Amino acid sequence: MPEMTISIGGRDFEVACQEGEEQFLRTAAKMLDNEATTLVSQIGRMPEARMLLMAGLMLADKTAGLEDQLRTAEERAGVAERVAANARANPERVEVPVIPEIVSDTFAEIAARAEALADRIEERLQ
């Protein structure tokens, strides 16, 4: 089991971890160190247990906030998925108006009469 030295709030700690977990431990230690460093810079030197407790609580608070944001995002995604599924299952019906045949026939007749009148006018002018 690998042993590592991590630094939290300016203090070194010897810790052991599972083989292959070293990077995860370094990342977690860095997160805790960031919170502890903030505490030490604001409050000053404090007992080790208190510093670790407060840094842990600060990380827990951030984690709780992120979990709330994740839950909200998951709910929004769920709503969006349901809306999309409903849209696929019940596509919006679009009706295209169809011109009745009688109207088309009437327009064709009017056009033919107009052309006949134009032809007569042309003949008279010549």
N, C-alpha and C. Protein backbone atom coordinates (compact mmCIF):
# COMPACT_ATOMS: atom_id res chain seq x y z
N MET A 1 0.85 -1.17 0.00
CA MET A 1 0.00 0.00 0.00
C MET A 1 0.91 1.24 0.00
N PRO A 2 0.79 2.08 -1.05
CA PRO A 2 1.66 3.25 -1.14
C PRO A 2 1.37 4.26 -0.03
N GLU A 3 2.44 4.85 0.50
CA GLU A 3 2.31 5.92 1.48
C GLU A 3 2.74 7.22 0.83
N MET A 4 2.02 8.28 1.15
CA MET A 4 2.29 9.58 0.55
C MET A 4 2.28 10.64 1.64
N THR A 5 2.95 11.72 1.36
CA THR A 5 2.92 12.88 2.24
C THR A 5 2.07 13.93 1.54
N ILE A 6 1.02 14.38 2.21
CA ILE A 6 0.17 15.45 1.66
C ILE A 6 0.26 16.65 2.59
N SER A 7 0.04 17.82 2.02
CA SER A 7 0.10 19.06 2.80
C SER A 7 -1.28 19.68 2.83
N ILE A 8 -1.79 19.91 4.04
CA ILE A 8 -3.10 20.53 4.24
C ILE A 8 -2.91 21.72 5.16
N GLY A 9 -3.22 22.90 4.67
CA GLY A 9 -3.12 24.11 5.50
C GLY A 9 -1.74 24.35 6.04
N GLY A 10 -0.70 24.00 5.29
CA GLY A 10 0.67 24.22 5.73
C GLY A 10 1.20 23.14 6.65
N ARG A 11 0.44 22.07 6.85
CA ARG A 11 0.90 20.97 7.71
C ARG A 11 0.99 19.71 6.87
N ASP A 12 2.01 18.92 7.12
CA ASP A 12 2.21 17.68 6.37
C ASP A 12 1.61 16.49 7.11
N PHE A 13 1.03 15.57 6.32
CA PHE A 13 0.42 14.37 6.86
C PHE A 13 0.88 13.18 6.04
N GLU A 14 1.21 12.08 6.73
CA GLU A 14 1.54 10.83 6.06
C GLU A 14 0.26 10.01 5.95
N VAL A 15 -0.08 9.63 4.73
CA VAL A 15 -1.30 8.84 4.52
C VAL A 15 -0.99 7.69 3.57
N ALA A 16 -1.79 6.65 3.66
CA ALA A 16 -1.66 5.50 2.78
C ALA A 16 -2.92 5.41 1.91
N CYS A 17 -2.75 4.83 0.75
CA CYS A 17 -3.89 4.64 -0.14
C CYS A 17 -3.71 3.35 -0.92
N GLN A 18 -4.76 2.95 -1.61
CA GLN A 18 -4.70 1.75 -2.44
C GLN A 18 -3.80 2.00 -3.64
N GLU A 19 -3.21 0.94 -4.14
CA GLU A 19 -2.38 1.01 -5.34
C GLU A 19 -3.20 1.58 -6.49
N GLY A 20 -2.67 2.59 -7.18
CA GLY A 20 -3.35 3.20 -8.32
C GLY A 20 -4.28 4.35 -7.94
N GLU A 21 -4.47 4.59 -6.64
CA GLU A 21 -5.36 5.65 -6.17
C GLU A 21 -4.61 6.92 -5.80
N GLU A 22 -3.31 6.95 -6.07
CA GLU A 22 -2.49 8.08 -5.65
C GLU A 22 -2.98 9.41 -6.22
N GLN A 23 -3.33 9.43 -7.48
CA GLN A 23 -3.77 10.68 -8.12
C GLN A 23 -5.08 11.18 -7.50
N PHE A 24 -5.98 10.25 -7.19
CA PHE A 24 -7.25 10.64 -6.55
C PHE A 24 -6.97 11.24 -5.17
N LEU A 25 -6.04 10.66 -4.44
CA LEU A 25 -5.68 11.18 -3.12
C LEU A 25 -5.06 12.57 -3.26
N ARG A 26 -4.17 12.76 -4.23
CA ARG A 26 -3.56 14.07 -4.43
C ARG A 26 -4.64 15.12 -4.75
N THR A 27 -5.59 14.75 -5.60
CA THR A 27 -6.66 15.69 -5.99
C THR A 27 -7.51 16.05 -4.77
N ALA A 28 -7.91 15.04 -3.98
CA ALA A 28 -8.72 15.29 -2.79
C ALA A 28 -7.94 16.14 -1.78
N ALA A 29 -6.66 15.83 -1.61
CA ALA A 29 -5.83 16.59 -0.67
C ALA A 29 -5.70 18.04 -1.13
N LYS A 30 -5.59 18.26 -2.42
CA LYS A 30 -5.48 19.62 -2.95
C LYS A 30 -6.76 20.40 -2.67
N MET A 31 -7.92 19.75 -2.84
CA MET A 31 -9.19 20.42 -2.56
C MET A 31 -9.27 20.81 -1.08
N LEU A 32 -8.92 19.89 -0.21
CA LEU A 32 -8.95 20.15 1.23
C LEU A 32 -7.93 21.23 1.60
N ASP A 33 -6.76 21.18 0.98
CA ASP A 33 -5.73 22.18 1.23
C ASP A 33 -6.20 23.58 0.82
N ASN A 34 -6.88 23.68 -0.31
CA ASN A 34 -7.39 24.99 -0.74
C ASN A 34 -8.32 25.59 0.32
N GLU A 35 -9.22 24.78 0.85
CA GLU A 35 -10.14 25.27 1.89
C GLU A 35 -9.39 25.61 3.17
N ALA A 36 -8.46 24.74 3.57
CA ALA A 36 -7.69 24.99 4.80
C ALA A 36 -6.83 26.24 4.66
N THR A 37 -6.25 26.44 3.50
CA THR A 37 -5.42 27.63 3.27
C THR A 37 -6.26 28.89 3.37
N THR A 38 -7.48 28.84 2.84
CA THR A 38 -8.39 29.98 2.95
C THR A 38 -8.69 30.27 4.42
N LEU A 39 -8.99 29.22 5.18
CA LEU A 39 -9.26 29.39 6.61
C LEU A 39 -8.07 30.00 7.35
N VAL A 40 -6.89 29.45 7.11
CA VAL A 40 -5.69 29.92 7.81
C VAL A 40 -5.41 31.37 7.46
N SER A 41 -5.65 31.75 6.19
CA SER A 41 -5.39 33.14 5.81
C SER A 41 -6.41 34.10 6.42
N GLN A 42 -7.62 33.63 6.68
CA GLN A 42 -8.66 34.48 7.26
C GLN A 42 -8.63 34.50 8.78
N ILE A 43 -8.41 33.34 9.39
CA ILE A 43 -8.51 33.22 10.84
C ILE A 43 -7.14 33.19 11.51
N GLY A 44 -6.18 32.66 10.82
CA GLY A 44 -4.85 32.50 11.42
C GLY A 44 -4.66 31.07 11.89
N ARG A 45 -3.61 30.88 12.61
CA ARG A 45 -3.26 29.53 13.08
C ARG A 45 -4.36 29.01 14.01
N MET A 46 -4.68 27.73 13.84
CA MET A 46 -5.70 27.09 14.68
C MET A 46 -5.32 25.64 14.89
N PRO A 47 -5.91 24.98 15.87
CA PRO A 47 -5.59 23.57 16.09
C PRO A 47 -5.89 22.75 14.83
N GLU A 48 -5.06 21.75 14.64
CA GLU A 48 -5.15 20.90 13.46
C GLU A 48 -6.55 20.30 13.28
N ALA A 49 -7.11 19.76 14.34
CA ALA A 49 -8.43 19.12 14.24
C ALA A 49 -9.48 20.14 13.82
N ARG A 50 -9.43 21.33 14.37
CA ARG A 50 -10.41 22.37 14.02
C ARG A 50 -10.25 22.80 12.57
N MET A 51 -9.00 22.96 12.13
CA MET A 51 -8.75 23.35 10.74
C MET A 51 -9.30 22.29 9.78
N LEU A 52 -9.02 21.04 10.07
CA LEU A 52 -9.50 19.96 9.20
C LEU A 52 -11.03 19.86 9.23
N LEU A 53 -11.61 20.03 10.41
CA LEU A 53 -13.07 19.98 10.51
C LEU A 53 -13.71 21.10 9.70
N MET A 54 -13.23 22.31 9.89
CA MET A 54 -13.82 23.46 9.18
C MET A 54 -13.61 23.34 7.67
N ALA A 55 -12.42 22.93 7.23
CA ALA A 55 -12.15 22.75 5.81
C ALA A 55 -13.07 21.67 5.24
N GLY A 56 -13.25 20.60 5.98
CA GLY A 56 -14.16 19.53 5.54
C GLY A 56 -15.59 20.01 5.44
N LEU A 57 -16.02 20.82 6.41
CA LEU A 57 -17.38 21.37 6.37
C LEU A 57 -17.57 22.32 5.18
N MET A 58 -16.52 23.10 4.89
CA MET A 58 -16.61 24.00 3.74
C MET A 58 -16.74 23.19 2.44
N LEU A 59 -15.97 22.12 2.33
CA LEU A 59 -16.08 21.26 1.14
C LEU A 59 -17.46 20.59 1.08
N ALA A 60 -17.96 20.16 2.23
CA ALA A 60 -19.29 19.54 2.26
C ALA A 60 -20.36 20.53 1.82
N ASP A 61 -20.22 21.80 2.24
CA ASP A 61 -21.18 22.83 1.84
C ASP A 61 -21.15 23.03 0.32
N LYS A 62 -19.95 23.11 -0.24
CA LYS A 62 -19.81 23.26 -1.70
C LYS A 62 -20.41 22.05 -2.41
N THR A 63 -20.15 20.87 -1.88
CA THR A 63 -20.67 19.64 -2.47
C THR A 63 -22.19 19.63 -2.44
N ALA A 64 -22.78 20.05 -1.32
CA ALA A 64 -24.24 20.10 -1.21
C ALA A 64 -24.83 21.06 -2.24
N GLY A 65 -24.17 22.22 -2.42
CA GLY A 65 -24.63 23.18 -3.43
C GLY A 65 -24.56 22.59 -4.83
N LEU A 66 -23.47 21.90 -5.12
CA LEU A 66 -23.33 21.27 -6.45
C LEU A 66 -24.36 20.16 -6.65
N GLU A 67 -24.64 19.41 -5.58
CA GLU A 67 -25.66 18.36 -5.68
C GLU A 67 -27.04 18.97 -5.96
N ASP A 68 -27.34 20.10 -5.33
CA ASP A 68 -28.61 20.79 -5.61
C ASP A 68 -28.67 21.24 -7.06
N GLN A 69 -27.57 21.80 -7.56
CA GLN A 69 -27.53 22.23 -8.95
C GLN A 69 -27.68 21.04 -9.90
N LEU A 70 -27.04 19.93 -9.56
CA LEU A 70 -27.14 18.72 -10.37
C LEU A 70 -28.57 18.21 -10.38
N ARG A 71 -29.20 18.18 -9.22
CA ARG A 71 -30.59 17.71 -9.12
C ARG A 71 -31.51 18.59 -9.98
N THR A 72 -31.31 19.90 -9.90
CA THR A 72 -32.12 20.82 -10.71
C THR A 72 -31.88 20.59 -12.20
N ALA A 73 -30.62 20.41 -12.58
CA ALA A 73 -30.30 20.17 -13.99
C ALA A 73 -30.90 18.84 -14.46
N GLU A 74 -30.85 17.83 -13.61
CA GLU A 74 -31.43 16.53 -13.97
C GLU A 74 -32.95 16.64 -14.14
N GLU A 75 -33.59 17.41 -13.26
CA GLU A 75 -35.03 17.61 -13.38
C GLU A 75 -35.37 18.32 -14.69
N ARG A 76 -34.60 19.35 -15.02
CA ARG A 76 -34.82 20.08 -16.28
C ARG A 76 -34.60 19.17 -17.48
N ALA A 77 -33.56 18.35 -17.41
CA ALA A 77 -33.29 17.41 -18.50
C ALA A 77 -34.43 16.41 -18.63
N GLY A 78 -34.95 15.95 -17.49
CA GLY A 78 -36.08 15.01 -17.52
C GLY A 78 -37.31 15.63 -18.17
N VAL A 79 -37.59 16.88 -17.82
CA VAL A 79 -38.73 17.59 -18.42
C VAL A 79 -38.51 17.73 -19.92
N ALA A 80 -37.30 18.12 -20.31
CA ALA A 80 -37.00 18.29 -21.74
C ALA A 80 -37.13 16.97 -22.49
N GLU A 81 -36.68 15.88 -21.87
CA GLU A 81 -36.80 14.56 -22.50
C GLU A 81 -38.27 14.17 -22.66
N ARG A 82 -39.08 14.44 -21.64
CA ARG A 82 -40.51 14.11 -21.73
C ARG A 82 -41.19 14.94 -22.81
N VAL A 83 -40.84 16.22 -22.89
CA VAL A 83 -41.42 17.10 -23.92
C VAL A 83 -41.03 16.59 -25.31
N ALA A 84 -39.75 16.23 -25.46
CA ALA A 84 -39.27 15.74 -26.76
C ALA A 84 -39.95 14.42 -27.11
N ALA A 85 -40.09 13.53 -26.13
CA ALA A 85 -40.75 12.24 -26.39
C ALA A 85 -42.21 12.45 -26.76
N ASN A 86 -42.85 13.39 -26.08
CA ASN A 86 -44.26 13.69 -26.39
C ASN A 86 -44.38 14.28 -27.79
N ALA A 87 -43.43 15.12 -28.16
CA ALA A 87 -43.46 15.72 -29.49
C ALA A 87 -43.27 14.66 -30.57
N ARG A 88 -42.39 13.66 -30.28
CA ARG A 88 -42.19 12.58 -31.25
C ARG A 88 -43.43 11.69 -31.33
N ALA A 89 -44.04 11.44 -30.18
CA ALA A 89 -45.21 10.56 -30.15
C ALA A 89 -46.45 11.24 -30.71
N ASN A 90 -46.57 12.54 -30.50
CA ASN A 90 -47.73 13.29 -30.97
C ASN A 90 -47.26 14.50 -31.77
N PRO A 91 -46.78 14.25 -32.99
CA PRO A 91 -46.29 15.39 -33.76
C PRO A 91 -47.41 16.39 -34.02
N GLU A 92 -47.04 17.64 -34.07
CA GLU A 92 -48.01 18.69 -34.31
C GLU A 92 -48.61 18.51 -35.70
N ARG A 93 -49.91 18.57 -35.75
CA ARG A 93 -50.59 18.39 -37.03
C ARG A 93 -50.65 19.73 -37.74
N VAL A 94 -50.17 19.73 -38.97
CA VAL A 94 -50.18 20.92 -39.78
C VAL A 94 -51.12 20.67 -40.94
N GLU A 95 -52.13 21.50 -41.03
CA GLU A 95 -53.09 21.35 -42.12
C GLU A 95 -52.76 22.35 -43.22
N VAL A 96 -52.69 21.84 -44.42
CA VAL A 96 -52.42 22.68 -45.57
C VAL A 96 -53.74 22.86 -46.31
N PRO A 97 -54.16 24.10 -46.49
CA PRO A 97 -55.44 24.30 -47.16
C PRO A 97 -55.36 23.84 -48.62
N VAL A 98 -56.42 23.20 -49.04
CA VAL A 98 -56.51 22.74 -50.42
C VAL A 98 -57.55 23.60 -51.12
N ILE A 99 -57.15 24.11 -52.26
CA ILE A 99 -58.08 24.96 -53.02
C ILE A 99 -59.07 24.03 -53.73
N PRO A 100 -60.36 24.25 -53.52
CA PRO A 100 -61.35 23.40 -54.18
C PRO A 100 -61.20 23.49 -55.70
N GLU A 101 -61.51 22.39 -56.37
CA GLU A 101 -61.36 22.30 -57.82
C GLU A 101 -62.20 23.33 -58.54
N ILE A 102 -63.37 23.63 -58.01
CA ILE A 102 -64.26 24.61 -58.66
C ILE A 102 -63.61 25.99 -58.71
N VAL A 103 -62.84 26.33 -57.68
CA VAL A 103 -62.16 27.62 -57.65
C VAL A 103 -61.07 27.64 -58.73
N SER A 104 -60.31 26.57 -58.82
CA SER A 104 -59.28 26.48 -59.86
C SER A 104 -59.91 26.58 -61.25
N ASP A 105 -61.02 25.87 -61.43
CA ASP A 105 -61.71 25.91 -62.74
C ASP A 105 -62.22 27.31 -63.04
N THR A 106 -62.74 28.00 -62.04
CA THR A 106 -63.26 29.36 -62.23
C THR A 106 -62.13 30.30 -62.62
N PHE A 107 -61.00 30.18 -61.93
CA PHE A 107 -59.85 31.03 -62.28
C PHE A 107 -59.37 30.74 -63.71
N ALA A 108 -59.37 29.50 -64.10
CA ALA A 108 -58.95 29.14 -65.47
C ALA A 108 -59.91 29.75 -66.48
N GLU A 109 -61.20 29.72 -66.16
CA GLU A 109 -62.21 30.30 -67.07
C GLU A 109 -62.03 31.81 -67.16
N ILE A 110 -61.79 32.46 -66.02
CA ILE A 110 -61.58 33.91 -66.02
C ILE A 110 -60.33 34.25 -66.83
N ALA A 111 -59.28 33.47 -66.68
CA ALA A 111 -58.04 33.70 -67.42
C ALA A 111 -58.28 33.54 -68.92
N ALA A 112 -59.07 32.53 -69.29
CA ALA A 112 -59.35 32.31 -70.71
C ALA A 112 -60.15 33.47 -71.28
N ARG A 113 -61.14 33.97 -70.53
CA ARG A 113 -61.93 35.11 -70.99
C ARG A 113 -61.06 36.36 -71.14
N ALA A 114 -60.16 36.56 -70.16
CA ALA A 114 -59.27 37.73 -70.22
C ALA A 114 -58.37 37.64 -71.44
N GLU A 115 -57.87 36.46 -71.75
CA GLU A 115 -57.02 36.29 -72.93
C GLU A 115 -57.83 36.54 -74.21
N ALA A 116 -59.09 36.08 -74.23
CA ALA A 116 -59.95 36.30 -75.40
C ALA A 116 -60.21 37.79 -75.59
N LEU A 117 -60.47 38.51 -74.48
CA LEU A 117 -60.68 39.95 -74.57
C LEU A 117 -59.42 40.65 -75.06
N ALA A 118 -58.26 40.21 -74.57
CA ALA A 118 -57.00 40.81 -75.00
C ALA A 118 -56.79 40.57 -76.49
N ASP A 119 -57.13 39.39 -76.95
CA ASP A 119 -56.99 39.09 -78.38
C ASP A 119 -57.91 39.98 -79.21
N ARG A 120 -59.17 40.19 -78.78
CA ARG A 120 -60.12 41.04 -79.53
C ARG A 120 -59.62 42.48 -79.58
N ILE A 121 -59.10 42.94 -78.44
CA ILE A 121 -58.59 44.33 -78.41
C ILE A 121 -57.42 44.46 -79.36
N GLU A 122 -56.56 43.47 -79.39
CA GLU A 122 -55.41 43.49 -80.29
C GLU A 122 -55.86 43.52 -81.75
N GLU A 123 -56.89 42.74 -82.07
CA GLU A 123 -57.41 42.68 -83.45
C GLU A 123 -57.98 44.04 -83.86
N ARG A 124 -58.71 44.69 -82.97
CA ARG A 124 -59.33 45.99 -83.28
C ARG A 124 -58.26 47.06 -83.48
N LEU A 125 -57.17 46.93 -82.70
CA LEU A 125 -56.12 47.92 -82.83
C LEU A 125 -55.33 47.77 -84.14
N GLN A 126 -55.36 46.64 -84.73
CA GLN A 126 -54.60 46.41 -85.96
C GLN A 126 -55.40 46.76 -87.12
